[in-house]
Amino acid sequence: MTEDGELQAIYEITDFMHSIVDKFKNYSNDAFYKGLIVLHKYFRIFSLRSSKYDRFLVGTACLLLASKLEDRPVKLADLAVLHHRTELARQKWPEEALTEDQRMQLQTKICEIESEILRQIGYDFEIELPYKYIRRYREYPGCKIEEIVRVAEWFCNDTFLKPLCLFYHPMHIAIGCIYFALLFFKQTLPNSNGMPWYKFLHPGVELKHPQVIGEEIRQIYQKMELQKRQLDARFTKSTDASKAESMPCKSLYRQKTFQYKSLL
């Protein structure tokens, strides 16, 4: 499978997982993105082509595991039913209720995959998300950058379409998302205590760090052909965007109301 094919496949799994999460009332955003990190860890070991399990079932098992990592485990029976409904919708098949035997078989399969994921990733639960680092920029002295921080978080959501979380520290991803948001708004930040903005979180950060992440983000949108959609800095005033404001797991790609413009 080509790199572009893998990106498309990961997007399809992510969208599938998002469709399930949308139907849970209390499934947290953090659990969702931790589930995506687990997904990337697993598919780093087994490629999308070589895995013996259905990729959408793997995604569902990652949601189950991530909910436990957040100490808010979902009910397995509910997850199995939602997986079934989402799969029917994905395949554009007519709705059909699960029988008791079918539900139990699906639950067993999800648990089997969850156990396999745990074994393959070596029970590695050291998962840190970039969002806390992005939000610290709200404290940047002398500037009100709430909108930049909010859009940086949305860019961060889309970084999970690639396994950047496996190769870069979450702080570097966060600073890269701020960098990309600044490019988007065509803004810059003044120095703080004599240091450039990208050293705000750590003096050891160099400009090349956010630039590398910014290029990774650019490639995500470029490969997903977002140049055909409208990306407007005033999107928060539109009807569609105001509805999206209240949605969990906000993604610029998923909303289909944005168009990528080359920022680098």
C-alpha atoms as a PDB file:
ATOM      1  CA  MET A   1       0.000   0.000   0.000  1.00  0.00           C
ATOM      2  CA  THR A   2       1.374   3.429  -0.953  1.00  0.00           C
ATOM      3  CA  GLU A   3       1.848   6.240   1.575  1.00  0.00           C
ATOM      4  CA  ASP A   4      -1.150   8.071   0.130  1.00  0.00           C
ATOM      5  CA  GLY A   5      -3.182   4.861   0.296  1.00  0.00           C
ATOM      6  CA  GLU A   6      -2.258   4.375   3.946  1.00  0.00           C
ATOM      7  CA  LEU A   7      -3.213   7.968   4.738  1.00  0.00           C
ATOM      8  CA  GLN A   8      -6.597   7.451   3.098  1.00  0.00           C
ATOM      9  CA  ALA A   9      -7.076   4.155   4.965  1.00  0.00           C
ATOM     10  CA  ILE A  10      -6.208   5.763   8.313  1.00  0.00           C
ATOM     11  CA  TYR A  11      -8.639   8.577   7.566  1.00  0.00           C
ATOM     12  CA  GLU A  12     -11.382   6.045   6.866  1.00  0.00           C
ATOM     13  CA  ILE A  13     -10.685   4.249  10.159  1.00  0.00           C
ATOM     14  CA  THR A  14     -10.539   7.574  12.015  1.00  0.00           C
ATOM     15  CA  ASP A  15     -13.856   8.637  10.508  1.00  0.00           C
ATOM     16  CA  PHE A  16     -15.357   5.271  11.455  1.00  0.00           C
ATOM     17  CA  MET A  17     -14.135   5.652  15.042  1.00  0.00           C
ATOM     18  CA  HIS A  18     -15.427   9.221  15.150  1.00  0.00           C
ATOM     19  CA  SER A  19     -18.861   8.047  14.011  1.00  0.00           C
ATOM     20  CA  ILE A  20     -18.965   5.611  16.940  1.00  0.00           C
ATOM     21  CA  VAL A  21     -17.737   8.187  19.455  1.00  0.00           C
ATOM     22  CA  ASP A  22     -20.400  10.668  18.293  1.00  0.00           C
ATOM     23  CA  LYS A  23     -23.050   8.249  19.555  1.00  0.00           C
ATOM     24  CA  PHE A  24     -21.549   7.956  23.049  1.00  0.00           C
ATOM     25  CA  LYS A  25     -22.619  10.738  25.392  1.00  0.00           C
ATOM     26  CA  ASN A  26     -19.585  10.702  27.665  1.00  0.00           C
ATOM     27  CA  TYR A  27     -16.713   9.535  25.476  1.00  0.00           C
ATOM     28  CA  SER A  28     -13.973  12.136  25.981  1.00  0.00           C
ATOM     29  CA  ASN A  29     -11.900  13.781  23.269  1.00  0.00           C
ATOM     30  CA  ASP A  30      -8.724  12.734  25.087  1.00  0.00           C
ATOM     31  CA  ALA A  31      -9.803   9.096  25.000  1.00  0.00           C
ATOM     32  CA  PHE A  32     -10.540   9.382  21.270  1.00  0.00           C
ATOM     33  CA  TYR A  33      -7.075  10.716  20.438  1.00  0.00           C
ATOM     34  CA  LYS A  34      -5.373   8.262  22.759  1.00  0.00           C
ATOM     35  CA  GLY A  35      -7.243   5.597  20.834  1.00  0.00           C
ATOM     36  CA  LEU A  36      -5.729   6.939  17.619  1.00  0.00           C
ATOM     37  CA  ILE A  37      -2.242   6.793  19.146  1.00  0.00           C
ATOM     38  CA  VAL A  38      -2.843   3.150  20.095  1.00  0.00           C
ATOM     39  CA  LEU A  39      -4.065   2.561  16.524  1.00  0.00           C
ATOM     40  CA  HIS A  40      -0.840   4.021  15.098  1.00  0.00           C
ATOM     41  CA  LYS A  41       1.280   1.978  17.495  1.00  0.00           C
ATOM     42  CA  TYR A  42      -0.441  -1.216  16.388  1.00  0.00           C
ATOM     43  CA  PHE A  43      -0.232  -0.479  12.672  1.00  0.00           C
ATOM     44  CA  ARG A  44       3.410   0.473  13.113  1.00  0.00           C
ATOM     45  CA  ILE A  45       3.984  -3.199  13.975  1.00  0.00           C
ATOM     46  CA  PHE A  46       1.484  -4.674  11.537  1.00  0.00           C
ATOM     47  CA  SER A  47       0.903  -2.759   8.351  1.00  0.00           C
ATOM     48  CA  LEU A  48      -2.642  -2.145   7.225  1.00  0.00           C
ATOM     49  CA  ARG A  49      -2.149  -4.851   4.623  1.00  0.00           C
ATOM     50  CA  SER A  50      -0.541  -7.499   6.845  1.00  0.00           C
ATOM     51  CA  SER A  51      -2.852  -7.268   9.872  1.00  0.00           C
ATOM     52  CA  LYS A  52      -5.043 -10.354  10.184  1.00  0.00           C
ATOM     53  CA  TYR A  53      -7.882  -8.314  11.658  1.00  0.00           C
ATOM     54  CA  ASP A  54     -10.421  -6.099   9.975  1.00  0.00           C
ATOM     55  CA  ARG A  55      -9.064  -2.556  10.261  1.00  0.00           C
ATOM     56  CA  PHE A  56     -12.384  -1.118  11.424  1.00  0.00           C
ATOM     57  CA  LEU A  57     -12.638  -3.705  14.186  1.00  0.00           C
ATOM     58  CA  VAL A  58      -9.101  -2.726  15.207  1.00  0.00           C
ATOM     59  CA  GLY A  59     -10.284   0.886  15.449  1.00  0.00           C
ATOM     60  CA  THR A  60     -13.221  -0.128  17.611  1.00  0.00           C
ATOM     61  CA  ALA A  61     -10.946  -2.174  19.891  1.00  0.00           C
ATOM     62  CA  CYS A  62      -8.685   0.887  20.235  1.00  0.00           C
ATOM     63  CA  LEU A  63     -11.699   2.910  21.400  1.00  0.00           C
ATOM     64  CA  LEU A  64     -12.460   0.282  24.034  1.00  0.00           C
ATOM     65  CA  LEU A  65      -8.875   0.263  25.258  1.00  0.00           C
ATOM     66  CA  ALA A  66      -8.574   4.055  25.291  1.00  0.00           C
ATOM     67  CA  SER A  67     -11.770   4.425  27.322  1.00  0.00           C
ATOM     68  CA  LYS A  68     -10.150   2.225  29.979  1.00  0.00           C
ATOM     69  CA  LEU A  69      -6.980   4.327  29.901  1.00  0.00           C
ATOM     70  CA  GLU A  70      -9.150   7.317  30.806  1.00  0.00           C
ATOM     71  CA  ASP A  71     -10.846   5.333  33.602  1.00  0.00           C
ATOM     72  CA  ARG A  72     -14.179   5.792  31.841  1.00  0.00           C
ATOM     73  CA  PRO A  73     -14.702   2.390  30.179  1.00  0.00           C
ATOM     74  CA  VAL A  74     -17.563   2.096  27.735  1.00  0.00           C
ATOM     75  CA  LYS A  75     -19.973  -0.814  27.929  1.00  0.00           C
ATOM     76  CA  LEU A  76     -18.789  -3.547  25.607  1.00  0.00           C
ATOM     77  CA  ALA A  77     -22.337  -4.455  24.570  1.00  0.00           C
ATOM     78  CA  ASP A  78     -23.044  -0.839  23.584  1.00  0.00           C
ATOM     79  CA  LEU A  79     -19.767  -0.624  21.668  1.00  0.00           C
ATOM     80  CA  ALA A  80     -20.533  -3.811  19.733  1.00  0.00           C
ATOM     81  CA  VAL A  81     -23.976  -2.538  18.740  1.00  0.00           C
ATOM     82  CA  LEU A  82     -22.587   0.839  17.625  1.00  0.00           C
ATOM     83  CA  HIS A  83     -19.799  -0.844  15.662  1.00  0.00           C
ATOM     84  CA  HIS A  84     -22.409  -2.952  13.869  1.00  0.00           C
ATOM     85  CA  ARG A  85     -24.584   0.071  13.044  1.00  0.00           C
ATOM     86  CA  THR A  86     -21.600   2.100  11.856  1.00  0.00           C
ATOM     87  CA  GLU A  87     -20.383  -0.765   9.668  1.00  0.00           C
ATOM     88  CA  LEU A  88     -23.821  -1.100   8.074  1.00  0.00           C
ATOM     89  CA  ALA A  89     -23.827   2.642   7.351  1.00  0.00           C
ATOM     90  CA  ARG A  90     -20.299   2.480   5.936  1.00  0.00           C
ATOM     91  CA  GLN A  91     -21.252  -0.351   3.613  1.00  0.00           C
ATOM     92  CA  LYS A  92     -24.561   1.386   2.806  1.00  0.00           C
ATOM     93  CA  TRP A  93     -26.448  -1.715   3.822  1.00  0.00           C
ATOM     94  CA  PRO A  94     -29.984  -1.573   5.259  1.00  0.00           C
ATOM     95  CA  GLU A  95     -30.271  -1.423   9.019  1.00  0.00           C
ATOM     96  CA  GLU A  96     -30.503  -4.795  10.701  1.00  0.00           C
ATOM     97  CA  ALA A  97     -30.486  -5.467  14.431  1.00  0.00           C
ATOM     98  CA  LEU A  98     -27.895  -7.780  15.934  1.00  0.00           C
ATOM     99  CA  THR A  99     -29.145 -11.044  17.349  1.00  0.00           C
ATOM    100  CA  GLU A 100     -27.962 -11.949  20.828  1.00  0.00           C
ATOM    101  CA  ASP A 101     -25.550 -14.540  19.409  1.00  0.00           C
ATOM    102  CA  GLN A 102     -24.170 -12.086  16.851  1.00  0.00           C
ATOM    103  CA  ARG A 103     -23.620  -9.453  19.525  1.00  0.00           C
ATOM    104  CA  MET A 104     -21.800 -11.905  21.784  1.00  0.00           C
ATOM    105  CA  GLN A 105     -19.595 -13.038  18.881  1.00  0.00           C
ATOM    106  CA  LEU A 106     -18.773  -9.424  18.034  1.00  0.00           C
ATOM    107  CA  GLN A 107     -17.973  -8.623  21.668  1.00  0.00           C
ATOM    108  CA  THR A 108     -15.658 -11.630  21.833  1.00  0.00           C
ATOM    109  CA  LYS A 109     -13.891 -10.519  18.650  1.00  0.00           C
ATOM    110  CA  ILE A 110     -13.407  -6.963  19.910  1.00  0.00           C
ATOM    111  CA  CYS A 111     -11.941  -8.284  23.172  1.00  0.00           C
ATOM    112  CA  GLU A 112      -9.672 -10.659  21.261  1.00  0.00           C
ATOM    113  CA  ILE A 113      -8.319  -7.780  19.168  1.00  0.00           C
ATOM    114  CA  GLU A 114      -7.912  -5.592  22.252  1.00  0.00           C
ATOM    115  CA  SER A 115      -5.799  -8.312  23.898  1.00  0.00           C
ATOM    116  CA  GLU A 116      -3.731  -8.702  20.729  1.00  0.00           C
ATOM    117  CA  ILE A 117      -3.123  -4.943  20.545  1.00  0.00           C
ATOM    118  CA  LEU A 118      -1.973  -4.921  24.165  1.00  0.00           C
ATOM    119  CA  ARG A 119       0.483  -7.738  23.504  1.00  0.00           C
ATOM    120  CA  GLN A 120       1.858  -6.218  20.337  1.00  0.00           C
ATOM    121  CA  ILE A 121       2.437  -2.728  21.763  1.00  0.00           C
ATOM    122  CA  GLY A 122       4.041  -4.234  24.854  1.00  0.00           C
ATOM    123  CA  TYR A 123       1.448  -2.787  27.245  1.00  0.00           C
ATOM    124  CA  ASP A 124       2.959   0.632  26.533  1.00  0.00           C
ATOM    125  CA  PHE A 125       0.521   3.111  28.033  1.00  0.00           C
ATOM    126  CA  GLU A 126       2.819   6.132  28.149  1.00  0.00           C
ATOM    127  CA  ILE A 127       0.570   8.350  26.071  1.00  0.00           C
ATOM    128  CA  GLU A 128       0.775  12.125  26.249  1.00  0.00           C
ATOM    129  CA  LEU A 129      -1.324  14.410  24.066  1.00  0.00           C
ATOM    130  CA  PRO A 130      -0.104  17.772  22.679  1.00  0.00           C
ATOM    131  CA  TYR A 131      -3.161  19.791  23.716  1.00  0.00           C
ATOM    132  CA  LYS A 132      -1.948  20.887  27.147  1.00  0.00           C
ATOM    133  CA  TYR A 133       1.106  22.435  25.512  1.00  0.00           C
ATOM    134  CA  ILE A 134      -1.006  24.253  22.923  1.00  0.00           C
ATOM    135  CA  ARG A 135      -3.281  25.661  25.640  1.00  0.00           C
ATOM    136  CA  ARG A 136      -0.336  27.047  27.567  1.00  0.00           C
ATOM    137  CA  TYR A 137       0.034  29.603  24.780  1.00  0.00           C
ATOM    138  CA  ARG A 138      -3.107  31.256  26.148  1.00  0.00           C
ATOM    139  CA  GLU A 139      -0.737  32.568  28.808  1.00  0.00           C
ATOM    140  CA  TYR A 140       1.643  34.106  26.263  1.00  0.00           C
ATOM    141  CA  PRO A 141       2.507  37.552  27.686  1.00  0.00           C
ATOM    142  CA  GLY A 142       1.074  40.626  26.050  1.00  0.00           C
ATOM    143  CA  CYS A 143      -1.071  38.807  23.485  1.00  0.00           C
ATOM    144  CA  LYS A 144      -4.628  37.563  23.176  1.00  0.00           C
ATOM    145  CA  ILE A 145      -4.317  34.547  20.928  1.00  0.00           C
ATOM    146  CA  GLU A 146      -7.378  32.511  21.874  1.00  0.00           C
ATOM    147  CA  GLU A 147      -8.426  32.128  18.235  1.00  0.00           C
ATOM    148  CA  ILE A 148      -4.934  31.019  17.214  1.00  0.00           C
ATOM    149  CA  VAL A 149      -4.897  28.460  20.025  1.00  0.00           C
ATOM    150  CA  ARG A 150      -8.331  27.151  19.029  1.00  0.00           C
ATOM    151  CA  VAL A 151      -7.352  26.685  15.393  1.00  0.00           C
ATOM    152  CA  ALA A 152      -4.015  25.168  16.429  1.00  0.00           C
ATOM    153  CA  GLU A 153      -5.984  22.561  18.376  1.00  0.00           C
ATOM    154  CA  TRP A 154      -7.968  21.766  15.225  1.00  0.00           C
ATOM    155  CA  PHE A 155      -4.767  21.411  13.233  1.00  0.00           C
ATOM    156  CA  CYS A 156      -3.520  19.141  16.010  1.00  0.00           C
ATOM    157  CA  ASN A 157      -6.606  16.942  15.643  1.00  0.00           C
ATOM    158  CA  ASP A 158      -5.682  16.314  12.027  1.00  0.00           C
ATOM    159  CA  THR A 159      -2.059  15.435  12.830  1.00  0.00           C
ATOM    160  CA  PHE A 160      -3.419  12.089  14.033  1.00  0.00           C
ATOM    161  CA  LEU A 161      -4.089  11.167  10.407  1.00  0.00           C
ATOM    162  CA  LYS A 162      -0.354  10.404  10.309  1.00  0.00           C
ATOM    163  CA  PRO A 163       1.735   8.665  13.006  1.00  0.00           C
ATOM    164  CA  LEU A 164       3.489  11.894  13.985  1.00  0.00           C
ATOM    165  CA  CYS A 165       2.764  11.045  17.614  1.00  0.00           C
ATOM    166  CA  LEU A 166       5.217   8.131  17.332  1.00  0.00           C
ATOM    167  CA  PHE A 167       8.125  10.223  16.056  1.00  0.00           C
ATOM    168  CA  TYR A 168       7.807  13.660  17.659  1.00  0.00           C
ATOM    169  CA  HIS A 169       7.454  14.828  21.235  1.00  0.00           C
ATOM    170  CA  PRO A 170       3.943  16.177  21.913  1.00  0.00           C
ATOM    171  CA  MET A 171       5.437  19.543  22.866  1.00  0.00           C
ATOM    172  CA  HIS A 172       7.055  19.831  19.423  1.00  0.00           C
ATOM    173  CA  ILE A 173       3.762  18.866  17.756  1.00  0.00           C
ATOM    174  CA  ALA A 174       1.988  21.524  19.809  1.00  0.00           C
ATOM    175  CA  ILE A 175       4.462  24.248  18.848  1.00  0.00           C
ATOM    176  CA  GLY A 176       4.237  23.119  15.222  1.00  0.00           C
ATOM    177  CA  CYS A 177       0.451  23.518  15.332  1.00  0.00           C
ATOM    178  CA  ILE A 178       0.814  27.023  16.778  1.00  0.00           C
ATOM    179  CA  TYR A 179       3.316  27.783  14.004  1.00  0.00           C
ATOM    180  CA  PHE A 180       0.874  26.567  11.344  1.00  0.00           C
ATOM    181  CA  ALA A 181      -1.969  28.557  12.888  1.00  0.00           C
ATOM    182  CA  LEU A 182       0.202  31.679  12.866  1.00  0.00           C
ATOM    183  CA  LEU A 183       0.914  31.105   9.172  1.00  0.00           C
ATOM    184  CA  PHE A 184      -2.775  30.632   8.553  1.00  0.00           C
ATOM    185  CA  PHE A 185      -3.653  33.937  10.208  1.00  0.00           C
ATOM    186  CA  LYS A 186      -0.536  35.609   8.750  1.00  0.00           C
ATOM    187  CA  GLN A 187       0.499  36.693  12.209  1.00  0.00           C
ATOM    188  CA  THR A 188       3.567  36.466  14.384  1.00  0.00           C
ATOM    189  CA  LEU A 189       4.146  36.792  18.110  1.00  0.00           C
ATOM    190  CA  PRO A 190       6.522  39.224  19.791  1.00  0.00           C
ATOM    191  CA  ASN A 191       9.489  37.976  21.777  1.00  0.00           C
ATOM    192  CA  SER A 192       8.866  36.960  25.370  1.00  0.00           C
ATOM    193  CA  ASN A 193      11.604  37.703  27.911  1.00  0.00           C
ATOM    194  CA  GLY A 194      13.992  38.265  25.050  1.00  0.00           C
ATOM    195  CA  MET A 195      13.244  34.900  23.417  1.00  0.00           C
ATOM    196  CA  PRO A 196      11.215  34.094  20.260  1.00  0.00           C
ATOM    197  CA  TRP A 197       7.713  32.703  20.653  1.00  0.00           C
ATOM    198  CA  TYR A 198       8.679  29.105  19.846  1.00  0.00           C
ATOM    199  CA  LYS A 199      10.946  29.009  22.929  1.00  0.00           C
ATOM    200  CA  PHE A 200       8.046  29.935  25.217  1.00  0.00           C
ATOM    201  CA  LEU A 201       7.555  26.339  26.390  1.00  0.00           C
ATOM    202  CA  HIS A 202      11.207  25.312  26.412  1.00  0.00           C
ATOM    203  CA  PRO A 203      14.394  27.288  25.673  1.00  0.00           C
ATOM    204  CA  GLY A 204      15.879  24.334  23.811  1.00  0.00           C
ATOM    205  CA  VAL A 205      13.302  24.482  20.998  1.00  0.00           C
ATOM    206  CA  GLU A 206      14.690  25.695  17.669  1.00  0.00           C
ATOM    207  CA  LEU A 207      12.700  27.143  14.783  1.00  0.00           C
ATOM    208  CA  LYS A 208      13.335  24.005  12.733  1.00  0.00           C
ATOM    209  CA  HIS A 209      11.186  21.971  15.141  1.00  0.00           C
ATOM    210  CA  PRO A 210       7.866  23.744  14.425  1.00  0.00           C
ATOM    211  CA  GLN A 211       8.805  24.101  10.767  1.00  0.00           C
ATOM    212  CA  VAL A 212       9.156  20.332  10.399  1.00  0.00           C
ATOM    213  CA  ILE A 213       5.778  19.743  12.040  1.00  0.00           C
ATOM    214  CA  GLY A 214       4.230  22.514   9.944  1.00  0.00           C
ATOM    215  CA  GLU A 215       5.447  20.779   6.800  1.00  0.00           C
ATOM    216  CA  GLU A 216       3.943  17.498   8.002  1.00  0.00           C
ATOM    217  CA  ILE A 217       0.583  19.223   8.529  1.00  0.00           C
ATOM    218  CA  ARG A 218       0.806  20.850   5.103  1.00  0.00           C
ATOM    219  CA  GLN A 219       1.396  17.447   3.519  1.00  0.00           C
ATOM    220  CA  ILE A 220      -1.622  15.962   5.289  1.00  0.00           C
ATOM    221  CA  TYR A 221      -3.943  18.583   3.846  1.00  0.00           C
ATOM    222  CA  GLN A 222      -2.258  18.535   0.459  1.00  0.00           C
ATOM    223  CA  LYS A 223      -2.546  14.761   0.125  1.00  0.00           C
ATOM    224  CA  MET A 224      -6.136  14.766   1.287  1.00  0.00           C
ATOM    225  CA  GLU A 225      -6.857  17.342  -1.442  1.00  0.00           C
ATOM    226  CA  LEU A 226      -8.134  20.027   0.854  1.00  0.00           C
ATOM    227  CA  GLN A 227      -7.138  22.611  -1.736  1.00  0.00           C
ATOM    228  CA  LYS A 228     -10.602  22.033  -3.211  1.00  0.00           C
ATOM    229  CA  ARG A 229     -12.361  23.225  -0.063  1.00  0.00           C
ATOM    230  CA  GLN A 230     -12.725  26.668   1.390  1.00  0.00           C
ATOM    231  CA  LEU A 231     -10.513  27.528   4.352  1.00  0.00           C
ATOM    232  CA  ASP A 232     -11.606  30.963   5.506  1.00  0.00           C
ATOM    233  CA  ALA A 233     -10.203  32.740   8.552  1.00  0.00           C
ATOM    234  CA  ARG A 234     -13.710  34.020   9.238  1.00  0.00           C
ATOM    235  CA  PHE A 235     -15.250  30.525   9.328  1.00  0.00           C
ATOM    236  CA  THR A 236     -16.432  30.916  12.923  1.00  0.00           C
ATOM    237  CA  LYS A 237     -19.061  33.369  11.710  1.00  0.00           C
ATOM    238  CA  SER A 238     -20.629  30.924   9.257  1.00  0.00           C
ATOM    239  CA  THR A 239     -23.645  28.784  10.088  1.00  0.00           C
ATOM    240  CA  ASP A 240     -21.907  25.486   9.405  1.00  0.00           C
ATOM    241  CA  ALA A 241     -18.879  26.434  11.442  1.00  0.00           C
ATOM    242  CA  SER A 242     -20.959  27.590  14.399  1.00  0.00           C
ATOM    243  CA  LYS A 243     -22.595  24.164  14.440  1.00  0.00           C
ATOM    244  CA  ALA A 244     -19.183  22.549  14.223  1.00  0.00           C
ATOM    245  CA  GLU A 245     -17.998  24.648  17.168  1.00  0.00           C
ATOM    246  CA  SER A 246     -19.942  22.471  19.578  1.00  0.00           C
ATOM    247  CA  MET A 247     -18.883  19.190  17.995  1.00  0.00           C
ATOM    248  CA  PRO A 248     -16.282  16.972  19.672  1.00  0.00           C
ATOM    249  CA  CYS A 249     -13.072  16.029  17.875  1.00  0.00           C
ATOM    250  CA  LYS A 250     -13.275  19.015  15.521  1.00  0.00           C
ATOM    251  CA  SER A 251     -11.351  18.311  12.323  1.00  0.00           C
ATOM    252  CA  LEU A 252     -10.821  20.742   9.465  1.00  0.00           C
ATOM    253  CA  TYR A 253     -10.738  17.865   7.019  1.00  0.00           C
ATOM    254  CA  ARG A 254     -13.841  16.157   8.374  1.00  0.00           C
ATOM    255  CA  GLN A 255     -15.988  19.289   8.297  1.00  0.00           C
ATOM    256  CA  LYS A 256     -15.663  19.590   4.501  1.00  0.00           C
ATOM    257  CA  THR A 257     -16.268  23.349   4.832  1.00  0.00           C
ATOM    258  CA  PHE A 258     -12.636  24.314   4.414  1.00  0.00           C
ATOM    259  CA  GLN A 259     -10.188  24.616   1.568  1.00  0.00           C
ATOM    260  CA  TYR A 260      -6.474  24.166   2.066  1.00  0.00           C
ATOM    261  CA  LYS A 261      -4.284  27.010   0.845  1.00  0.00           C
ATOM    262  CA  SER A 262      -0.516  26.559   0.647  1.00  0.00           C
ATOM    263  CA  LEU A 263       0.849  28.262   3.743  1.00  0.00           C
ATOM    264  CA  LEU A 264       4.513  27.253   3.522  1.00  0.00           C
END
